[in-house]
Amino acid sequence: MQIKNLTNSPYQLVDARGKAVMLPARGEIDIDPHPMHVKQYRQVGYFEITESAPVDEQADPRDALRTEYAELSGESADKRWSESRLRSEIAEMGALQ
């Protein structure tokens, strides 16, 4: 999670391991905060908090290729296609045009 300090004072946060981490005045850090403190960080209003997506929930790298395929072909790409298959299909369509 990324936390941005909106105040002119540094603030001490606690990470998931219980270690104190200093957040500089008007600064920002990436931190895995201690679960016991997350609610407090949200409620106090001193911070702008941005959730980081866990690795398994990040966007599929094939999404951009599927979009490109749909724009070129006018049809949706098969969701089961691998990245290399999508690249191959797109290259084939590019060669035909």
PDB file of N, CA and C in Angstrom:
ATOM      1  N   MET A   1       0.858  -1.155   0.000  1.00  0.00           N
ATOM      2  CA  MET A   1       0.000   0.000   0.000  1.00  0.00           C
ATOM      3  C   MET A   1       0.905   1.218   0.000  1.00  0.00           C
ATOM      4  N   GLN A   2       0.496   2.237  -0.704  1.00  0.00           N
ATOM      5  CA  GLN A   2       1.266   3.478  -0.746  1.00  0.00           C
ATOM      6  C   GLN A   2       0.556   4.502   0.138  1.00  0.00           C
ATOM      7  N   ILE A   3       1.315   5.129   1.011  1.00  0.00           N
ATOM      8  CA  ILE A   3       0.769   6.127   1.922  1.00  0.00           C
ATOM      9  C   ILE A   3       1.487   7.445   1.695  1.00  0.00           C
ATOM     10  N   LYS A   4       0.708   8.494   1.446  1.00  0.00           N
ATOM     11  CA  LYS A   4       1.262   9.832   1.234  1.00  0.00           C
ATOM     12  C   LYS A   4       0.874  10.693   2.421  1.00  0.00           C
ATOM     13  N   ASN A   5       1.850  11.362   3.013  1.00  0.00           N
ATOM     14  CA  ASN A   5       1.625  12.231   4.158  1.00  0.00           C
ATOM     15  C   ASN A   5       1.119  13.587   3.653  1.00  0.00           C
ATOM     16  N   LEU A   6      -0.052  14.005   4.077  1.00  0.00           N
ATOM     17  CA  LEU A   6      -0.646  15.268   3.654  1.00  0.00           C
ATOM     18  C   LEU A   6      -0.347  16.410   4.622  1.00  0.00           C
ATOM     19  N   THR A   7       0.447  16.120   5.658  1.00  0.00           N
ATOM     20  CA  THR A   7       0.751  17.135   6.668  1.00  0.00           C
ATOM     21  C   THR A   7       2.193  17.630   6.531  1.00  0.00           C
ATOM     22  N   ASN A   8       2.497  18.686   7.245  1.00  0.00           N
ATOM     23  CA  ASN A   8       3.853  19.242   7.252  1.00  0.00           C
ATOM     24  C   ASN A   8       4.718  18.662   8.363  1.00  0.00           C
ATOM     25  N   SER A   9       4.276  17.558   8.945  1.00  0.00           N
ATOM     26  CA  SER A   9       5.034  16.912  10.014  1.00  0.00           C
ATOM     27  C   SER A   9       5.312  15.460   9.652  1.00  0.00           C
ATOM     28  N   PRO A  10       6.479  14.936  10.018  1.00  0.00           N
ATOM     29  CA  PRO A  10       6.739  13.510   9.783  1.00  0.00           C
ATOM     30  C   PRO A  10       5.821  12.683  10.686  1.00  0.00           C
ATOM     31  N   TYR A  11       5.608  11.447  10.299  1.00  0.00           N
ATOM     32  CA  TYR A  11       4.710  10.587  11.055  1.00  0.00           C
ATOM     33  C   TYR A  11       5.312   9.196  11.115  1.00  0.00           C
ATOM     34  N   GLN A  12       5.248   8.591  12.293  1.00  0.00           N
ATOM     35  CA  GLN A  12       5.778   7.250  12.468  1.00  0.00           C
ATOM     36  C   GLN A  12       4.677   6.225  12.230  1.00  0.00           C
ATOM     37  N   LEU A  13       4.901   5.319  11.283  1.00  0.00           N
ATOM     38  CA  LEU A  13       3.969   4.241  10.985  1.00  0.00           C
ATOM     39  C   LEU A  13       4.556   2.938  11.490  1.00  0.00           C
ATOM     40  N   VAL A  14       3.735   1.905  11.573  1.00  0.00           N
ATOM     41  CA  VAL A  14       4.198   0.586  11.998  1.00  0.00           C
ATOM     42  C   VAL A  14       3.922  -0.397  10.873  1.00  0.00           C
ATOM     43  N   ASP A  15       4.976  -1.114  10.428  1.00  0.00           N
ATOM     44  CA  ASP A  15       4.780  -2.070   9.343  1.00  0.00           C
ATOM     45  C   ASP A  15       4.275  -3.410   9.872  1.00  0.00           C
ATOM     46  N   ALA A  16       4.030  -4.348   8.981  1.00  0.00           N
ATOM     47  CA  ALA A  16       3.439  -5.638   9.339  1.00  0.00           C
ATOM     48  C   ALA A  16       4.299  -6.438  10.315  1.00  0.00           C
ATOM     49  N   ARG A  17       5.601  -6.190  10.336  1.00  0.00           N
ATOM     50  CA  ARG A  17       6.499  -6.900  11.254  1.00  0.00           C
ATOM     51  C   ARG A  17       6.616  -6.198  12.600  1.00  0.00           C
ATOM     52  N   GLY A  18       5.910  -5.070  12.769  1.00  0.00           N
ATOM     53  CA  GLY A  18       5.974  -4.325  14.021  1.00  0.00           C
ATOM     54  C   GLY A  18       7.095  -3.311  14.070  1.00  0.00           C
ATOM     55  N   LYS A  19       7.786  -3.108  12.957  1.00  0.00           N
ATOM     56  CA  LYS A  19       8.914  -2.179  12.898  1.00  0.00           C
ATOM     57  C   LYS A  19       8.409  -0.768  12.612  1.00  0.00           C
ATOM     58  N   ALA A  20       8.959   0.210  13.324  1.00  0.00           N
ATOM     59  CA  ALA A  20       8.592   1.611  13.103  1.00  0.00           C
ATOM     60  C   ALA A  20       9.220   2.105  11.806  1.00  0.00           C
ATOM     61  N   VAL A  21       8.408   2.783  10.990  1.00  0.00           N
ATOM     62  CA  VAL A  21       8.865   3.342   9.717  1.00  0.00           C
ATOM     63  C   VAL A  21       8.467   4.809   9.698  1.00  0.00           C
ATOM     64  N   MET A  22       9.437   5.681   9.415  1.00  0.00           N
ATOM     65  CA  MET A  22       9.167   7.120   9.418  1.00  0.00           C
ATOM     66  C   MET A  22       8.665   7.562   8.051  1.00  0.00           C
ATOM     67  N   LEU A  23       7.518   8.219   8.048  1.00  0.00           N
ATOM     68  CA  LEU A  23       6.939   8.807   6.842  1.00  0.00           C
ATOM     69  C   LEU A  23       7.272  10.295   6.872  1.00  0.00           C
ATOM     70  N   PRO A  24       8.095  10.769   5.925  1.00  0.00           N
ATOM     71  CA  PRO A  24       8.506  12.177   5.954  1.00  0.00           C
ATOM     72  C   PRO A  24       7.338  13.136   5.750  1.00  0.00           C
ATOM     73  N   ALA A  25       7.497  14.354   6.207  1.00  0.00           N
ATOM     74  CA  ALA A  25       6.494  15.395   5.982  1.00  0.00           C
ATOM     75  C   ALA A  25       6.288  15.561   4.481  1.00  0.00           C
ATOM     76  N   ARG A  26       5.053  15.543   4.046  1.00  0.00           N
ATOM     77  CA  ARG A  26       4.681  15.666   2.624  1.00  0.00           C
ATOM     78  C   ARG A  26       5.307  14.598   1.748  1.00  0.00           C
ATOM     79  N   GLY A  27       5.789  13.517   2.365  1.00  0.00           N
ATOM     80  CA  GLY A  27       6.435  12.439   1.619  1.00  0.00           C
ATOM     81  C   GLY A  27       5.485  11.273   1.415  1.00  0.00           C
ATOM     82  N   GLU A  28       5.978  10.264   0.742  1.00  0.00           N
ATOM     83  CA  GLU A  28       5.186   9.054   0.552  1.00  0.00           C
ATOM     84  C   GLU A  28       6.093   7.835   0.566  1.00  0.00           C
ATOM     85  N   ILE A  29       5.516   6.709   0.996  1.00  0.00           N
ATOM     86  CA  ILE A  29       6.261   5.455   1.062  1.00  0.00           C
ATOM     87  C   ILE A  29       5.336   4.306   0.679  1.00  0.00           C
ATOM     88  N   ASP A  30       5.957   3.210   0.249  1.00  0.00           N
ATOM     89  CA  ASP A  30       5.246   1.954   0.052  1.00  0.00           C
ATOM     90  C   ASP A  30       5.481   1.135   1.307  1.00  0.00           C
ATOM     91  N   ILE A  31       4.401   0.655   1.890  1.00  0.00           N
ATOM     92  CA  ILE A  31       4.516  -0.065   3.161  1.00  0.00           C
ATOM     93  C   ILE A  31       3.413  -1.114   3.245  1.00  0.00           C
ATOM     94  N   ASP A  32       3.728  -2.209   3.904  1.00  0.00           N
ATOM     95  CA  ASP A  32       2.729  -3.202   4.267  1.00  0.00           C
ATOM     96  C   ASP A  32       2.442  -2.927   5.741  1.00  0.00           C
ATOM     97  N   PRO A  33       1.407  -2.110   6.043  1.00  0.00           N
ATOM     98  CA  PRO A  33       1.192  -1.693   7.430  1.00  0.00           C
ATOM     99  C   PRO A  33       0.676  -2.815   8.318  1.00  0.00           C
ATOM    100  N   HIS A  34       0.931  -2.657   9.588  1.00  0.00           N
ATOM    101  CA  HIS A  34       0.426  -3.610  10.571  1.00  0.00           C
ATOM    102  C   HIS A  34      -1.098  -3.572  10.525  1.00  0.00           C
ATOM    103  N   PRO A  35      -1.760  -4.734  10.441  1.00  0.00           N
ATOM    104  CA  PRO A  35      -3.222  -4.764  10.329  1.00  0.00           C
ATOM    105  C   PRO A  35      -3.949  -4.020  11.456  1.00  0.00           C
ATOM    106  N   MET A  36      -3.339  -3.992  12.617  1.00  0.00           N
ATOM    107  CA  MET A  36      -3.962  -3.321  13.759  1.00  0.00           C
ATOM    108  C   MET A  36      -4.023  -1.800  13.562  1.00  0.00           C
ATOM    109  N   HIS A  37      -3.160  -1.242  12.717  1.00  0.00           N
ATOM    110  CA  HIS A  37      -3.066   0.207  12.555  1.00  0.00           C
ATOM    111  C   HIS A  37      -3.736   0.751  11.295  1.00  0.00           C
ATOM    112  N   VAL A  38      -4.090  -0.115  10.359  1.00  0.00           N
ATOM    113  CA  VAL A  38      -4.635   0.331   9.070  1.00  0.00           C
ATOM    114  C   VAL A  38      -5.871   1.201   9.249  1.00  0.00           C
ATOM    115  N   LYS A  39      -6.797   0.784  10.099  1.00  0.00           N
ATOM    116  CA  LYS A  39      -8.032   1.543  10.310  1.00  0.00           C
ATOM    117  C   LYS A  39      -7.721   2.950  10.838  1.00  0.00           C
ATOM    118  N   GLN A  40      -6.782   3.037  11.751  1.00  0.00           N
ATOM    119  CA  GLN A  40      -6.391   4.337  12.305  1.00  0.00           C
ATOM    120  C   GLN A  40      -5.811   5.238  11.218  1.00  0.00           C
ATOM    121  N   TYR A  41      -4.952   4.686  10.367  1.00  0.00           N
ATOM    122  CA  TYR A  41      -4.343   5.478   9.296  1.00  0.00           C
ATOM    123  C   TYR A  41      -5.408   6.033   8.350  1.00  0.00           C
ATOM    124  N   ARG A  42      -6.451   5.258   8.125  1.00  0.00           N
ATOM    125  CA  ARG A  42      -7.532   5.717   7.241  1.00  0.00           C
ATOM    126  C   ARG A  42      -8.394   6.797   7.918  1.00  0.00           C
ATOM    127  N   GLN A  43      -8.658   6.635   9.200  1.00  0.00           N
ATOM    128  CA  GLN A  43      -9.577   7.527   9.907  1.00  0.00           C
ATOM    129  C   GLN A  43      -8.978   8.878  10.269  1.00  0.00           C
ATOM    130  N   VAL A  44      -7.695   8.942  10.525  1.00  0.00           N
ATOM    131  CA  VAL A  44      -7.090  10.158  11.041  1.00  0.00           C
ATOM    132  C   VAL A  44      -7.121  11.303  10.022  1.00  0.00           C
ATOM    133  N   GLY A  45      -7.149  10.992   8.730  1.00  0.00           N
ATOM    134  CA  GLY A  45      -7.249  12.030   7.712  1.00  0.00           C
ATOM    135  C   GLY A  45      -5.939  12.718   7.362  1.00  0.00           C
ATOM    136  N   TYR A  46      -4.836  12.211   7.867  1.00  0.00           N
ATOM    137  CA  TYR A  46      -3.530  12.804   7.590  1.00  0.00           C
ATOM    138  C   TYR A  46      -2.907  12.263   6.312  1.00  0.00           C
ATOM    139  N   PHE A  47      -3.466  11.168   5.786  1.00  0.00           N
ATOM    140  CA  PHE A  47      -2.818  10.436   4.708  1.00  0.00           C
ATOM    141  C   PHE A  47      -3.722  10.244   3.500  1.00  0.00           C
ATOM    142  N   GLU A  48      -3.069  10.102   2.348  1.00  0.00           N
ATOM    143  CA  GLU A  48      -3.732   9.644   1.129  1.00  0.00           C
ATOM    144  C   GLU A  48      -3.231   8.221   0.933  1.00  0.00           C
ATOM    145  N   ILE A  49      -4.143   7.265   0.985  1.00  0.00           N
ATOM    146  CA  ILE A  49      -3.755   5.861   0.946  1.00  0.00           C
ATOM    147  C   ILE A  49      -4.200   5.253  -0.379  1.00  0.00           C
ATOM    148  N   THR A  50      -3.248   4.615  -1.065  1.00  0.00           N
ATOM    149  CA  THR A  50      -3.529   3.943  -2.330  1.00  0.00           C
ATOM    150  C   THR A  50      -3.206   2.471  -2.159  1.00  0.00           C
ATOM    151  N   GLU A  51      -4.190   1.633  -2.427  1.00  0.00           N
ATOM    152  CA  GLU A  51      -3.994   0.194  -2.311  1.00  0.00           C
ATOM    153  C   GLU A  51      -3.183  -0.308  -3.490  1.00  0.00           C
ATOM    154  N   SER A  52      -2.241  -1.170  -3.223  1.00  0.00           N
ATOM    155  CA  SER A  52      -1.480  -1.843  -4.268  1.00  0.00           C
ATOM    156  C   SER A  52      -2.133  -3.193  -4.497  1.00  0.00           C
ATOM    157  N   ALA A  53      -2.314  -3.531  -5.763  1.00  0.00           N
ATOM    158  CA  ALA A  53      -2.916  -4.829  -6.067  1.00  0.00           C
ATOM    159  C   ALA A  53      -1.897  -5.927  -5.800  1.00  0.00           C
ATOM    160  N   PRO A  54      -2.317  -6.998  -5.127  1.00  0.00           N
ATOM    161  CA  PRO A  54      -1.418  -8.127  -4.957  1.00  0.00           C
ATOM    162  C   PRO A  54      -0.995  -8.675  -6.323  1.00  0.00           C
ATOM    163  N   VAL A  55       0.129  -9.331  -6.371  1.00  0.00           N
ATOM    164  CA  VAL A  55       0.675  -9.800  -7.641  1.00  0.00           C
ATOM    165  C   VAL A  55      -0.325 -10.637  -8.417  1.00  0.00           C
ATOM    166  N   ASP A  56      -1.078 -11.522  -7.747  1.00  0.00           N
ATOM    167  CA  ASP A  56      -2.007 -12.388  -8.464  1.00  0.00           C
ATOM    168  C   ASP A  56      -3.250 -11.639  -8.957  1.00  0.00           C
ATOM    169  N   GLU A  57      -3.476 -10.411  -8.519  1.00  0.00           N
ATOM    170  CA  GLU A  57      -4.632  -9.639  -8.964  1.00  0.00           C
ATOM    171  C   GLU A  57      -4.257  -8.539  -9.955  1.00  0.00           C
ATOM    172  N   GLN A  58      -3.001  -8.469 -10.351  1.00  0.00           N
ATOM    173  CA  GLN A  58      -2.590  -7.456 -11.311  1.00  0.00           C
ATOM    174  C   GLN A  58      -3.149  -7.807 -12.672  1.00  0.00           C
ATOM    175  N   ALA A  59      -3.200  -6.806 -13.543  1.00  0.00           N
ATOM    176  CA  ALA A  59      -3.773  -6.987 -14.873  1.00  0.00           C
ATOM    177  C   ALA A  59      -3.032  -8.076 -15.645  1.00  0.00           C
ATOM    178  N   ASP A  60      -3.794  -8.831 -16.397  1.00  0.00           N
ATOM    179  CA  ASP A  60      -3.256  -9.870 -17.253  1.00  0.00           C
ATOM    180  C   ASP A  60      -2.499  -9.210 -18.407  1.00  0.00           C
ATOM    181  N   PRO A  61      -1.258  -9.582 -18.668  1.00  0.00           N
ATOM    182  CA  PRO A  61      -0.507  -8.956 -19.763  1.00  0.00           C
ATOM    183  C   PRO A  61      -1.143  -9.200 -21.128  1.00  0.00           C
ATOM    184  N   ARG A  62      -2.046 -10.170 -21.206  1.00  0.00           N
ATOM    185  CA  ARG A  62      -2.720 -10.451 -22.473  1.00  0.00           C
ATOM    186  C   ARG A  62      -3.852  -9.488 -22.767  1.00  0.00           C
ATOM    187  N   ASP A  63      -4.280  -8.699 -21.769  1.00  0.00           N
ATOM    188  CA  ASP A  63      -5.413  -7.789 -21.974  1.00  0.00           C
ATOM    189  C   ASP A  63      -5.150  -6.788 -23.091  1.00  0.00           C
ATOM    190  N   ALA A  64      -3.961  -6.191 -23.124  1.00  0.00           N
ATOM    191  CA  ALA A  64      -3.633  -5.218 -24.173  1.00  0.00           C
ATOM    192  C   ALA A  64      -3.618  -5.901 -25.538  1.00  0.00           C
ATOM    193  N   LEU A  65      -3.107  -7.129 -25.578  1.00  0.00           N
ATOM    194  CA  LEU A  65      -3.071  -7.870 -26.835  1.00  0.00           C
ATOM    195  C   LEU A  65      -4.483  -8.234 -27.292  1.00  0.00           C
ATOM    196  N   ARG A  66      -5.342  -8.597 -26.359  1.00  0.00           N
ATOM    197  CA  ARG A  66      -6.734  -8.909 -26.719  1.00  0.00           C
ATOM    198  C   ARG A  66      -7.435  -7.679 -27.299  1.00  0.00           C
ATOM    199  N   THR A  67      -7.163  -6.516 -26.699  1.00  0.00           N
ATOM    200  CA  THR A  67      -7.753  -5.270 -27.196  1.00  0.00           C
ATOM    201  C   THR A  67      -7.264  -4.976 -28.601  1.00  0.00           C
ATOM    202  N   GLU A  68      -5.960  -5.141 -28.812  1.00  0.00           N
ATOM    203  CA  GLU A  68      -5.391  -4.891 -30.141  1.00  0.00           C
ATOM    204  C   GLU A  68      -5.981  -5.858 -31.167  1.00  0.00           C
ATOM    205  N   TYR A  69      -6.123  -7.115 -30.774  1.00  0.00           N
ATOM    206  CA  TYR A  69      -6.708  -8.114 -31.668  1.00  0.00           C
ATOM    207  C   TYR A  69      -8.140  -7.731 -32.038  1.00  0.00           C
ATOM    208  N   ALA A  70      -8.916  -7.315 -31.047  1.00  0.00           N
ATOM    209  CA  ALA A  70     -10.309  -6.935 -31.293  1.00  0.00           C
ATOM    210  C   ALA A  70     -10.401  -5.731 -32.228  1.00  0.00           C
ATOM    211  N   GLU A  71      -9.495  -4.767 -32.075  1.00  0.00           N
ATOM    212  CA  GLU A  71      -9.501  -3.591 -32.945  1.00  0.00           C
ATOM    213  C   GLU A  71      -9.163  -3.957 -34.380  1.00  0.00           C
ATOM    214  N   LEU A  72      -8.222  -4.891 -34.555  1.00  0.00           N
ATOM    215  CA  LEU A  72      -7.810  -5.285 -35.901  1.00  0.00           C
ATOM    216  C   LEU A  72      -8.813  -6.212 -36.591  1.00  0.00           C
ATOM    217  N   SER A  73      -9.367  -7.141 -35.815  1.00  0.00           N
ATOM    218  CA  SER A  73     -10.219  -8.168 -36.417  1.00  0.00           C
ATOM    219  C   SER A  73     -11.713  -7.854 -36.338  1.00  0.00           C
ATOM    220  N   GLY A  74     -12.086  -7.013 -35.390  1.00  0.00           N
ATOM    221  CA  GLY A  74     -13.511  -6.754 -35.187  1.00  0.00           C
ATOM    222  C   GLY A  74     -14.195  -7.842 -34.373  1.00  0.00           C
ATOM    223  N   GLU A  75     -13.417  -8.795 -33.877  1.00  0.00           N
ATOM    224  CA  GLU A  75     -13.940  -9.903 -33.061  1.00  0.00           C
ATOM    225  C   GLU A  75     -13.159  -9.978 -31.754  1.00  0.00           C
ATOM    226  N   SER A  76     -13.757 -10.589 -30.760  1.00  0.00           N
ATOM    227  CA  SER A  76     -13.063 -10.783 -29.480  1.00  0.00           C
ATOM    228  C   SER A  76     -12.081 -11.942 -29.599  1.00  0.00           C
ATOM    229  N   ALA A  77     -10.945 -11.802 -28.956  1.00  0.00           N
ATOM    230  CA  ALA A  77      -9.950 -12.883 -28.915  1.00  0.00           C
ATOM    231  C   ALA A  77     -10.425 -13.960 -27.951  1.00  0.00           C
ATOM    232  N   ASP A  78     -10.052 -15.174 -28.240  1.00  0.00           N
ATOM    233  CA  ASP A  78     -10.370 -16.297 -27.362  1.00  0.00           C
ATOM    234  C   ASP A  78      -9.610 -16.107 -26.047  1.00  0.00           C
ATOM    235  N   LYS A  79     -10.295 -16.152 -24.931  1.00  0.00           N
ATOM    236  CA  LYS A  79      -9.675 -15.916 -23.618  1.00  0.00           C
ATOM    237  C   LYS A  79      -8.641 -16.993 -23.262  1.00  0.00           C
ATOM    238  N   ARG A  80      -8.713 -18.131 -23.925  1.00  0.00           N
ATOM    239  CA  ARG A  80      -7.782 -19.227 -23.634  1.00  0.00           C
ATOM    240  C   ARG A  80      -6.459 -19.071 -24.356  1.00  0.00           C
ATOM    241  N   TRP A  81      -6.366 -18.152 -25.320  1.00  0.00           N
ATOM    242  CA  TRP A  81      -5.146 -17.999 -26.104  1.00  0.00           C
ATOM    243  C   TRP A  81      -4.011 -17.482 -25.235  1.00  0.00           C
ATOM    244  N   SER A  82      -2.840 -18.025 -25.486  1.00  0.00           N
ATOM    245  CA  SER A  82      -1.639 -17.582 -24.771  1.00  0.00           C
ATOM    246  C   SER A  82      -1.160 -16.263 -25.357  1.00  0.00           C
ATOM    247  N   GLU A  83      -0.198 -15.670 -24.684  1.00  0.00           N
ATOM    248  CA  GLU A  83       0.380 -14.411 -25.147  1.00  0.00           C
ATOM    249  C   GLU A  83       1.038 -14.594 -26.519  1.00  0.00           C
ATOM    250  N   SER A  84       1.742 -15.714 -26.688  1.00  0.00           N
ATOM    251  CA  SER A  84       2.409 -15.952 -27.979  1.00  0.00           C
ATOM    252  C   SER A  84       1.390 -16.177 -29.092  1.00  0.00           C
ATOM    253  N   ARG A  85       0.296 -16.847 -28.786  1.00  0.00           N
ATOM    254  CA  ARG A  85      -0.748 -17.055 -29.802  1.00  0.00           C
ATOM    255  C   ARG A  85      -1.376 -15.721 -30.205  1.00  0.00           C
ATOM    256  N   LEU A  86      -1.639 -14.861 -29.234  1.00  0.00           N
ATOM    257  CA  LEU A  86      -2.206 -13.545 -29.545  1.00  0.00           C
ATOM    258  C   LEU A  86      -1.243 -12.740 -30.421  1.00  0.00           C
ATOM    259  N   ARG A  87       0.027 -12.755 -30.071  1.00  0.00           N
ATOM    260  CA  ARG A  87       1.028 -12.036 -30.878  1.00  0.00           C
ATOM    261  C   ARG A  87       1.074 -12.575 -32.300  1.00  0.00           C
ATOM    262  N   SER A  88       0.987 -13.879 -32.426  1.00  0.00           N
ATOM    263  CA  SER A  88       1.018 -14.521 -33.731  1.00  0.00           C
ATOM    264  C   SER A  88      -0.197 -14.116 -34.572  1.00  0.00           C
ATOM    265  N   GLU A  89      -1.360 -14.131 -33.958  1.00  0.00           N
ATOM    266  CA  GLU A  89      -2.592 -13.747 -34.658  1.00  0.00           C
ATOM    267  C   GLU A  89      -2.535 -12.286 -35.107  1.00  0.00           C
ATOM    268  N   ILE A  90      -2.038 -11.426 -34.239  1.00  0.00           N
ATOM    269  CA  ILE A  90      -1.940  -9.990 -34.549  1.00  0.00           C
ATOM    270  C   ILE A  90      -0.935  -9.770 -35.686  1.00  0.00           C
ATOM    271  N   ALA A  91       0.194 -10.469 -35.620  1.00  0.00           N
ATOM    272  CA  ALA A  91       1.213 -10.347 -36.670  1.00  0.00           C
ATOM    273  C   ALA A  91       0.655 -10.815 -38.011  1.00  0.00           C
ATOM    274  N   GLU A  92      -0.099 -11.891 -37.979  1.00  0.00           N
ATOM    275  CA  GLU A  92      -0.710 -12.422 -39.192  1.00  0.00           C
ATOM    276  C   GLU A  92      -1.671 -11.400 -39.814  1.00  0.00           C
ATOM    277  N   MET A  93      -2.471 -10.764 -39.008  1.00  0.00           N
ATOM    278  CA  MET A  93      -3.415  -9.758 -39.498  1.00  0.00           C
ATOM    279  C   MET A  93      -2.671  -8.543 -40.023  1.00  0.00           C
ATOM    280  N   GLY A  94      -1.577  -8.180 -39.364  1.00  0.00           N
ATOM    281  CA  GLY A  94      -0.766  -7.036 -39.809  1.00  0.00           C
ATOM    282  C   GLY A  94      -0.135  -7.318 -41.156  1.00  0.00           C
ATOM    283  N   ALA A  95       0.255  -8.565 -41.410  1.00  0.00           N
ATOM    284  CA  ALA A  95       0.868  -8.943 -42.674  1.00  0.00           C
ATOM    285  C   ALA A  95      -0.169  -8.919 -43.807  1.00  0.00           C
ATOM    286  N   LEU A  96      -1.426  -9.198 -43.473  1.00  0.00           N
ATOM    287  CA  LEU A  96      -2.485  -9.202 -44.487  1.00  0.00           C
ATOM    288  C   LEU A  96      -2.893  -7.808 -44.902  1.00  0.00           C
ATOM    289  N   GLN A  97      -2.669  -6.818 -44.033  1.00  0.00           N
ATOM    290  CA  GLN A  97      -3.120  -5.457 -44.342  1.00  0.00           C
ATOM    291  C   GLN A  97      -2.115  -4.676 -45.121  1.00  0.00           C
TER     292      GLN A  97
END
